Amino acid sequence: NAPFDQEFYLIFNLAVGGTNGYFPDGDGGKMWTDDSTTAFADFNNALPTVAETWDSPALQIRSVVVTQDTSAGGSLSRK
């Protein structure tokens, strides 16, 4: 009855850009500002130049941690 004793799928989302302050303005050559109404277009227009700096463009996932939500009375104990 282990929680992962059958096939399941993991969904990974990738977000690029954003205007929520997570990636501070002016940091690392960021080509848009959080308060810009054209942030998406600014990023998109600069993408060809930025892409030239990528040595090997790829999404690499270093690790995955899976936990069980025990807030609804679930249990992590095994028998």
PDB file of N, CA and C in Angstrom:
ATOM      1  N   ASN A   1       0.808  -1.205   0.000  1.00  0.00           N
ATOM      2  CA  ASN A   1       0.000   0.000   0.000  1.00  0.00           C
ATOM      3  C   ASN A   1       0.848   1.264   0.000  1.00  0.00           C
ATOM      4  N   ALA A   2       2.031   1.171  -0.504  1.00  0.00           N
ATOM      5  CA  ALA A   2       2.882   2.359  -0.572  1.00  0.00           C
ATOM      6  C   ALA A   2       2.231   3.393  -1.475  1.00  0.00           C
ATOM      7  N   PRO A   3       2.451   4.657  -1.223  1.00  0.00           N
ATOM      8  CA  PRO A   3       1.791   5.685  -2.043  1.00  0.00           C
ATOM      9  C   PRO A   3       2.260   5.694  -3.498  1.00  0.00           C
ATOM     10  N   PHE A   4       3.391   5.115  -3.790  1.00  0.00           N
ATOM     11  CA  PHE A   4       3.923   5.178  -5.151  1.00  0.00           C
ATOM     12  C   PHE A   4       4.132   3.783  -5.733  1.00  0.00           C
ATOM     13  N   ASP A   5       3.214   2.850  -5.457  1.00  0.00           N
ATOM     14  CA  ASP A   5       3.379   1.489  -5.945  1.00  0.00           C
ATOM     15  C   ASP A   5       2.666   1.252  -7.275  1.00  0.00           C
ATOM     16  N   GLN A   6       2.300   2.333  -7.948  1.00  0.00           N
ATOM     17  CA  GLN A   6       1.698   2.215  -9.266  1.00  0.00           C
ATOM     18  C   GLN A   6       2.190   3.361 -10.140  1.00  0.00           C
ATOM     19  N   GLU A   7       2.024   3.235 -11.434  1.00  0.00           N
ATOM     20  CA  GLU A   7       2.507   4.244 -12.364  1.00  0.00           C
ATOM     21  C   GLU A   7       1.821   5.586 -12.111  1.00  0.00           C
ATOM     22  N   PHE A   8       2.603   6.636 -12.175  1.00  0.00           N
ATOM     23  CA  PHE A   8       2.059   7.980 -12.037  1.00  0.00           C
ATOM     24  C   PHE A   8       2.910   8.918 -12.878  1.00  0.00           C
ATOM     25  N   TYR A   9       2.443  10.131 -13.060  1.00  0.00           N
ATOM     26  CA  TYR A   9       3.138  11.101 -13.891  1.00  0.00           C
ATOM     27  C   TYR A   9       3.469  12.334 -13.071  1.00  0.00           C
ATOM     28  N   LEU A  10       4.588  12.944 -13.411  1.00  0.00           N
ATOM     29  CA  LEU A  10       4.981  14.208 -12.806  1.00  0.00           C
ATOM     30  C   LEU A  10       4.883  15.278 -13.880  1.00  0.00           C
ATOM     31  N   ILE A  11       4.367  16.424 -13.519  1.00  0.00           N
ATOM     32  CA  ILE A  11       4.275  17.551 -14.444  1.00  0.00           C
ATOM     33  C   ILE A  11       5.210  18.634 -13.925  1.00  0.00           C
ATOM     34  N   PHE A  12       6.111  19.073 -14.774  1.00  0.00           N
ATOM     35  CA  PHE A  12       7.046  20.134 -14.418  1.00  0.00           C
ATOM     36  C   PHE A  12       6.695  21.375 -15.227  1.00  0.00           C
ATOM     37  N   ASN A  13       6.548  22.489 -14.560  1.00  0.00           N
ATOM     38  CA  ASN A  13       6.276  23.751 -15.229  1.00  0.00           C
ATOM     39  C   ASN A  13       7.545  24.579 -15.272  1.00  0.00           C
ATOM     40  N   LEU A  14       7.730  25.276 -16.362  1.00  0.00           N
ATOM     41  CA  LEU A  14       8.879  26.158 -16.524  1.00  0.00           C
ATOM     42  C   LEU A  14       8.364  27.564 -16.776  1.00  0.00           C
ATOM     43  N   ALA A  15       8.787  28.489 -15.961  1.00  0.00           N
ATOM     44  CA  ALA A  15       8.401  29.883 -16.148  1.00  0.00           C
ATOM     45  C   ALA A  15       9.641  30.689 -16.505  1.00  0.00           C
ATOM     46  N   VAL A  16       9.516  31.506 -17.515  1.00  0.00           N
ATOM     47  CA  VAL A  16      10.622  32.358 -17.949  1.00  0.00           C
ATOM     48  C   VAL A  16      10.142  33.789 -17.900  1.00  0.00           C
ATOM     49  N   GLY A  17      10.949  34.616 -17.307  1.00  0.00           N
ATOM     50  CA  GLY A  17      10.568  36.022 -17.248  1.00  0.00           C
ATOM     51  C   GLY A  17       9.768  36.302 -15.993  1.00  0.00           C
ATOM     52  N   GLY A  18       8.717  37.035 -16.169  1.00  0.00           N
ATOM     53  CA  GLY A  18       7.879  37.384 -15.032  1.00  0.00           C
ATOM     54  C   GLY A  18       8.120  38.797 -14.561  1.00  0.00           C
ATOM     55  N   THR A  19       7.135  39.317 -13.923  1.00  0.00           N
ATOM     56  CA  THR A  19       7.216  40.690 -13.413  1.00  0.00           C
ATOM     57  C   THR A  19       6.814  40.735 -11.947  1.00  0.00           C
ATOM     58  N   ASN A  20       7.115  39.667 -11.224  1.00  0.00           N
ATOM     59  CA  ASN A  20       6.701  39.579  -9.821  1.00  0.00           C
ATOM     60  C   ASN A  20       7.808  39.911  -8.833  1.00  0.00           C
ATOM     61  N   GLY A  21       8.962  40.367  -9.322  1.00  0.00           N
ATOM     62  CA  GLY A  21      10.051  40.724  -8.428  1.00  0.00           C
ATOM     63  C   GLY A  21      10.973  39.583  -8.063  1.00  0.00           C
ATOM     64  N   TYR A  22      10.658  38.374  -8.502  1.00  0.00           N
ATOM     65  CA  TYR A  22      11.512  37.227  -8.184  1.00  0.00           C
ATOM     66  C   TYR A  22      12.901  37.398  -8.783  1.00  0.00           C
ATOM     67  N   PHE A  23      12.957  37.958  -9.979  1.00  0.00           N
ATOM     68  CA  PHE A  23      14.222  38.219 -10.673  1.00  0.00           C
ATOM     69  C   PHE A  23      14.384  39.738 -10.718  1.00  0.00           C
ATOM     70  N   PRO A  24      15.179  40.309  -9.822  1.00  0.00           N
ATOM     71  CA  PRO A  24      15.248  41.761  -9.672  1.00  0.00           C
ATOM     72  C   PRO A  24      15.643  42.491 -10.963  1.00  0.00           C
ATOM     73  N   ASP A  25      15.064  43.678 -11.161  1.00  0.00           N
ATOM     74  CA  ASP A  25      15.404  44.510 -12.317  1.00  0.00           C
ATOM     75  C   ASP A  25      16.900  44.802 -12.335  1.00  0.00           C
ATOM     76  N   GLY A  26      17.492  44.742 -13.526  1.00  0.00           N
ATOM     77  CA  GLY A  26      18.907  45.048 -13.697  1.00  0.00           C
ATOM     78  C   GLY A  26      19.839  43.927 -13.284  1.00  0.00           C
ATOM     79  N   ASP A  27      19.306  42.806 -12.844  1.00  0.00           N
ATOM     80  CA  ASP A  27      20.121  41.691 -12.374  1.00  0.00           C
ATOM     81  C   ASP A  27      20.422  40.738 -13.520  1.00  0.00           C
ATOM     82  N   GLY A  28      21.686  40.454 -13.767  1.00  0.00           N
ATOM     83  CA  GLY A  28      22.076  39.474 -14.774  1.00  0.00           C
ATOM     84  C   GLY A  28      21.696  39.820 -16.202  1.00  0.00           C
ATOM     85  N   GLY A  29      21.595  41.104 -16.515  1.00  0.00           N
ATOM     86  CA  GLY A  29      21.264  41.499 -17.878  1.00  0.00           C
ATOM     87  C   GLY A  29      19.786  41.398 -18.213  1.00  0.00           C
ATOM     88  N   LYS A  30      18.935  41.383 -17.212  1.00  0.00           N
ATOM     89  CA  LYS A  30      17.481  41.311 -17.437  1.00  0.00           C
ATOM     90  C   LYS A  30      17.071  42.451 -18.360  1.00  0.00           C
ATOM     91  N   MET A  31      16.388  42.103 -19.462  1.00  0.00           N
ATOM     92  CA  MET A  31      16.080  43.087 -20.493  1.00  0.00           C
ATOM     93  C   MET A  31      14.682  43.681 -20.387  1.00  0.00           C
ATOM     94  N   TRP A  32      14.012  43.514 -19.255  1.00  0.00           N
ATOM     95  CA  TRP A  32      12.705  44.119 -19.019  1.00  0.00           C
ATOM     96  C   TRP A  32      12.653  44.579 -17.577  1.00  0.00           C
ATOM     97  N   THR A  33      11.698  45.420 -17.269  1.00  0.00           N
ATOM     98  CA  THR A  33      11.507  45.858 -15.887  1.00  0.00           C
ATOM     99  C   THR A  33      10.138  45.392 -15.419  1.00  0.00           C
ATOM    100  N   ASP A  34      10.030  45.194 -14.128  1.00  0.00           N
ATOM    101  CA  ASP A  34       8.784  44.667 -13.569  1.00  0.00           C
ATOM    102  C   ASP A  34       7.595  45.603 -13.786  1.00  0.00           C
ATOM    103  N   ASP A  35       7.851  46.902 -13.856  1.00  0.00           N
ATOM    104  CA  ASP A  35       6.737  47.840 -14.022  1.00  0.00           C
ATOM    105  C   ASP A  35       6.431  48.155 -15.485  1.00  0.00           C
ATOM    106  N   SER A  36       7.097  47.494 -16.408  1.00  0.00           N
ATOM    107  CA  SER A  36       6.882  47.736 -17.832  1.00  0.00           C
ATOM    108  C   SER A  36       5.592  47.077 -18.319  1.00  0.00           C
ATOM    109  N   THR A  37       4.851  47.800 -19.124  1.00  0.00           N
ATOM    110  CA  THR A  37       3.644  47.219 -19.736  1.00  0.00           C
ATOM    111  C   THR A  37       3.997  46.396 -20.969  1.00  0.00           C
ATOM    112  N   THR A  38       5.269  46.444 -21.382  1.00  0.00           N
ATOM    113  CA  THR A  38       5.722  45.680 -22.553  1.00  0.00           C
ATOM    114  C   THR A  38       6.787  44.658 -22.167  1.00  0.00           C
ATOM    115  N   ALA A  39       6.743  44.173 -20.930  1.00  0.00           N
ATOM    116  CA  ALA A  39       7.773  43.257 -20.441  1.00  0.00           C
ATOM    117  C   ALA A  39       7.895  42.014 -21.316  1.00  0.00           C
ATOM    118  N   PHE A  40       6.762  41.417 -21.696  1.00  0.00           N
ATOM    119  CA  PHE A  40       6.804  40.216 -22.524  1.00  0.00           C
ATOM    120  C   PHE A  40       7.449  40.513 -23.873  1.00  0.00           C
ATOM    121  N   ALA A  41       7.059  41.610 -24.502  1.00  0.00           N
ATOM    122  CA  ALA A  41       7.643  41.984 -25.801  1.00  0.00           C
ATOM    123  C   ALA A  41       9.126  42.297 -25.656  1.00  0.00           C
ATOM    124  N   ASP A  42       9.516  42.960 -24.566  1.00  0.00           N
ATOM    125  CA  ASP A  42      10.934  43.270 -24.334  1.00  0.00           C
ATOM    126  C   ASP A  42      11.754  41.990 -24.247  1.00  0.00           C
ATOM    127  N   PHE A  43      11.236  41.014 -23.502  1.00  0.00           N
ATOM    128  CA  PHE A  43      11.921  39.728 -23.387  1.00  0.00           C
ATOM    129  C   PHE A  43      11.990  39.038 -24.748  1.00  0.00           C
ATOM    130  N   ASN A  44      10.871  38.972 -25.431  1.00  0.00           N
ATOM    131  CA  ASN A  44      10.797  38.287 -26.720  1.00  0.00           C
ATOM    132  C   ASN A  44      11.723  38.922 -27.749  1.00  0.00           C
ATOM    133  N   ASN A  45      11.792  40.241 -27.778  1.00  0.00           N
ATOM    134  CA  ASN A  45      12.656  40.938 -28.738  1.00  0.00           C
ATOM    135  C   ASN A  45      14.134  40.698 -28.462  1.00  0.00           C
ATOM    136  N   ALA A  46      14.495  40.506 -27.204  1.00  0.00           N
ATOM    137  CA  ALA A  46      15.904  40.299 -26.848  1.00  0.00           C
ATOM    138  C   ALA A  46      16.307  38.826 -26.890  1.00  0.00           C
ATOM    139  N   LEU A  47      15.357  37.931 -27.057  1.00  0.00           N
ATOM    140  CA  LEU A  47      15.644  36.499 -26.994  1.00  0.00           C
ATOM    141  C   LEU A  47      16.728  36.032 -27.966  1.00  0.00           C
ATOM    142  N   PRO A  48      16.732  36.458 -29.232  1.00  0.00           N
ATOM    143  CA  PRO A  48      17.806  36.000 -30.128  1.00  0.00           C
ATOM    144  C   PRO A  48      19.206  36.345 -29.615  1.00  0.00           C
ATOM    145  N   THR A  49      19.357  37.523 -29.046  1.00  0.00           N
ATOM    146  CA  THR A  49      20.662  37.927 -28.508  1.00  0.00           C
ATOM    147  C   THR A  49      21.023  37.109 -27.282  1.00  0.00           C
ATOM    148  N   VAL A  50      20.052  36.875 -26.421  1.00  0.00           N
ATOM    149  CA  VAL A  50      20.289  36.099 -25.207  1.00  0.00           C
ATOM    150  C   VAL A  50      20.599  34.645 -25.560  1.00  0.00           C
ATOM    151  N   ALA A  51      19.869  34.096 -26.511  1.00  0.00           N
ATOM    152  CA  ALA A  51      20.054  32.692 -26.884  1.00  0.00           C
ATOM    153  C   ALA A  51      21.468  32.417 -27.377  1.00  0.00           C
ATOM    154  N   GLU A  52      22.109  33.408 -27.975  1.00  0.00           N
ATOM    155  CA  GLU A  52      23.488  33.229 -28.443  1.00  0.00           C
ATOM    156  C   GLU A  52      24.452  32.966 -27.298  1.00  0.00           C
ATOM    157  N   THR A  53      24.095  33.349 -26.092  1.00  0.00           N
ATOM    158  CA  THR A  53      24.990  33.181 -24.940  1.00  0.00           C
ATOM    159  C   THR A  53      24.833  31.823 -24.272  1.00  0.00           C
ATOM    160  N   TRP A  54      23.844  31.045 -24.685  1.00  0.00           N
ATOM    161  CA  TRP A  54      23.603  29.748 -24.076  1.00  0.00           C
ATOM    162  C   TRP A  54      24.519  28.703 -24.689  1.00  0.00           C
ATOM    163  N   ASP A  55      25.374  28.102 -23.877  1.00  0.00           N
ATOM    164  CA  ASP A  55      26.305  27.093 -24.372  1.00  0.00           C
ATOM    165  C   ASP A  55      25.585  25.825 -24.819  1.00  0.00           C
ATOM    166  N   SER A  56      24.704  25.338 -23.998  1.00  0.00           N
ATOM    167  CA  SER A  56      23.940  24.132 -24.335  1.00  0.00           C
ATOM    168  C   SER A  56      22.536  24.280 -23.759  1.00  0.00           C
ATOM    169  N   PRO A  57      21.654  24.925 -24.513  1.00  0.00           N
ATOM    170  CA  PRO A  57      20.307  25.182 -23.986  1.00  0.00           C
ATOM    171  C   PRO A  57      19.537  23.887 -23.738  1.00  0.00           C
ATOM    172  N   ALA A  58      19.142  23.693 -22.505  1.00  0.00           N
ATOM    173  CA  ALA A  58      18.379  22.497 -22.136  1.00  0.00           C
ATOM    174  C   ALA A  58      17.764  22.723 -20.771  1.00  0.00           C
ATOM    175  N   LEU A  59      16.649  22.091 -20.541  1.00  0.00           N
ATOM    176  CA  LEU A  59      16.050  22.080 -19.217  1.00  0.00           C
ATOM    177  C   LEU A  59      16.601  20.864 -18.495  1.00  0.00           C
ATOM    178  N   GLN A  60      17.303  21.097 -17.415  1.00  0.00           N
ATOM    179  CA  GLN A  60      17.884  20.002 -16.650  1.00  0.00           C
ATOM    180  C   GLN A  60      17.292  20.017 -15.248  1.00  0.00           C
ATOM    181  N   ILE A  61      16.773  18.884 -14.827  1.00  0.00           N
ATOM    182  CA  ILE A  61      16.208  18.760 -13.487  1.00  0.00           C
ATOM    183  C   ILE A  61      17.193  17.974 -12.645  1.00  0.00           C
ATOM    184  N   ARG A  62      17.702  18.622 -11.627  1.00  0.00           N
ATOM    185  CA  ARG A  62      18.727  18.007 -10.790  1.00  0.00           C
ATOM    186  C   ARG A  62      18.150  17.011  -9.797  1.00  0.00           C
ATOM    187  N   SER A  63      16.996  17.321  -9.237  1.00  0.00           N
ATOM    188  CA  SER A  63      16.392  16.390  -8.291  1.00  0.00           C
ATOM    189  C   SER A  63      14.897  16.661  -8.184  1.00  0.00           C
ATOM    190  N   VAL A  64      14.180  15.664  -7.681  1.00  0.00           N
ATOM    191  CA  VAL A  64      12.744  15.769  -7.460  1.00  0.00           C
ATOM    192  C   VAL A  64      12.458  15.228  -6.067  1.00  0.00           C
ATOM    193  N   VAL A  65      11.694  15.964  -5.312  1.00  0.00           N
ATOM    194  CA  VAL A  65      11.291  15.524  -3.985  1.00  0.00           C
ATOM    195  C   VAL A  65       9.779  15.371  -4.000  1.00  0.00           C
ATOM    196  N   VAL A  66       9.297  14.210  -3.632  1.00  0.00           N
ATOM    197  CA  VAL A  66       7.865  13.936  -3.592  1.00  0.00           C
ATOM    198  C   VAL A  66       7.470  13.715  -2.143  1.00  0.00           C
ATOM    199  N   THR A  67       6.471  14.449  -1.703  1.00  0.00           N
ATOM    200  CA  THR A  67       5.987  14.302  -0.333  1.00  0.00           C
ATOM    201  C   THR A  67       4.494  14.032  -0.359  1.00  0.00           C
ATOM    202  N   GLN A  68       3.984  13.563   0.738  1.00  0.00           N
ATOM    203  CA  GLN A  68       2.556  13.303   0.861  1.00  0.00           C
ATOM    204  C   GLN A  68       1.950  14.341   1.786  1.00  0.00           C
ATOM    205  N   ASP A  69       0.837  14.908   1.384  1.00  0.00           N
ATOM    206  CA  ASP A  69       0.136  15.886   2.206  1.00  0.00           C
ATOM    207  C   ASP A  69      -0.555  15.158   3.354  1.00  0.00           C
ATOM    208  N   THR A  70      -0.100  15.394   4.571  1.00  0.00           N
ATOM    209  CA  THR A  70      -0.680  14.718   5.735  1.00  0.00           C
ATOM    210  C   THR A  70      -1.679  15.605   6.468  1.00  0.00           C
ATOM    211  N   SER A  71      -1.980  16.782   5.928  1.00  0.00           N
ATOM    212  CA  SER A  71      -2.869  17.706   6.627  1.00  0.00           C
ATOM    213  C   SER A  71      -4.304  17.195   6.699  1.00  0.00           C
ATOM    214  N   ALA A  72      -4.688  16.294   5.797  1.00  0.00           N
ATOM    215  CA  ALA A  72      -6.062  15.775   5.793  1.00  0.00           C
ATOM    216  C   ALA A  72      -6.138  14.407   6.473  1.00  0.00           C
ATOM    217  N   GLY A  73      -5.196  14.124   7.351  1.00  0.00           N
ATOM    218  CA  GLY A  73      -5.221  12.869   8.087  1.00  0.00           C
ATOM    219  C   GLY A  73      -4.458  11.754   7.441  1.00  0.00           C
ATOM    220  N   GLY A  74      -3.731  12.058   6.366  1.00  0.00           N
ATOM    221  CA  GLY A  74      -2.919  11.036   5.717  1.00  0.00           C
ATOM    222  C   GLY A  74      -1.755  10.638   6.599  1.00  0.00           C
ATOM    223  N   SER A  75      -1.094   9.579   6.240  1.00  0.00           N
ATOM    224  CA  SER A  75       0.014   9.083   7.048  1.00  0.00           C
ATOM    225  C   SER A  75       1.171   8.674   6.141  1.00  0.00           C
ATOM    226  N   LEU A  76       2.367   8.917   6.604  1.00  0.00           N
ATOM    227  CA  LEU A  76       3.555   8.498   5.859  1.00  0.00           C
ATOM    228  C   LEU A  76       4.103   7.175   6.368  1.00  0.00           C
ATOM    229  N   SER A  77       3.506   6.624   7.398  1.00  0.00           N
ATOM    230  CA  SER A  77       4.032   5.378   7.958  1.00  0.00           C
ATOM    231  C   SER A  77       3.783   4.209   7.023  1.00  0.00           C
ATOM    232  N   ARG A  78       4.712   3.251   7.055  1.00  0.00           N
ATOM    233  CA  ARG A  78       4.599   2.058   6.235  1.00  0.00           C
ATOM    234  C   ARG A  78       4.442   0.851   7.126  1.00  0.00           C
ATOM    235  N   LYS A  79       3.724  -0.151   6.640  1.00  0.00           N
ATOM    236  CA  LYS A  79       3.524  -1.370   7.429  1.00  0.00           C
ATOM    237  C   LYS A  79       4.451  -2.456   6.954  1.00  0.00           C
TER     238      LYS A  79
END
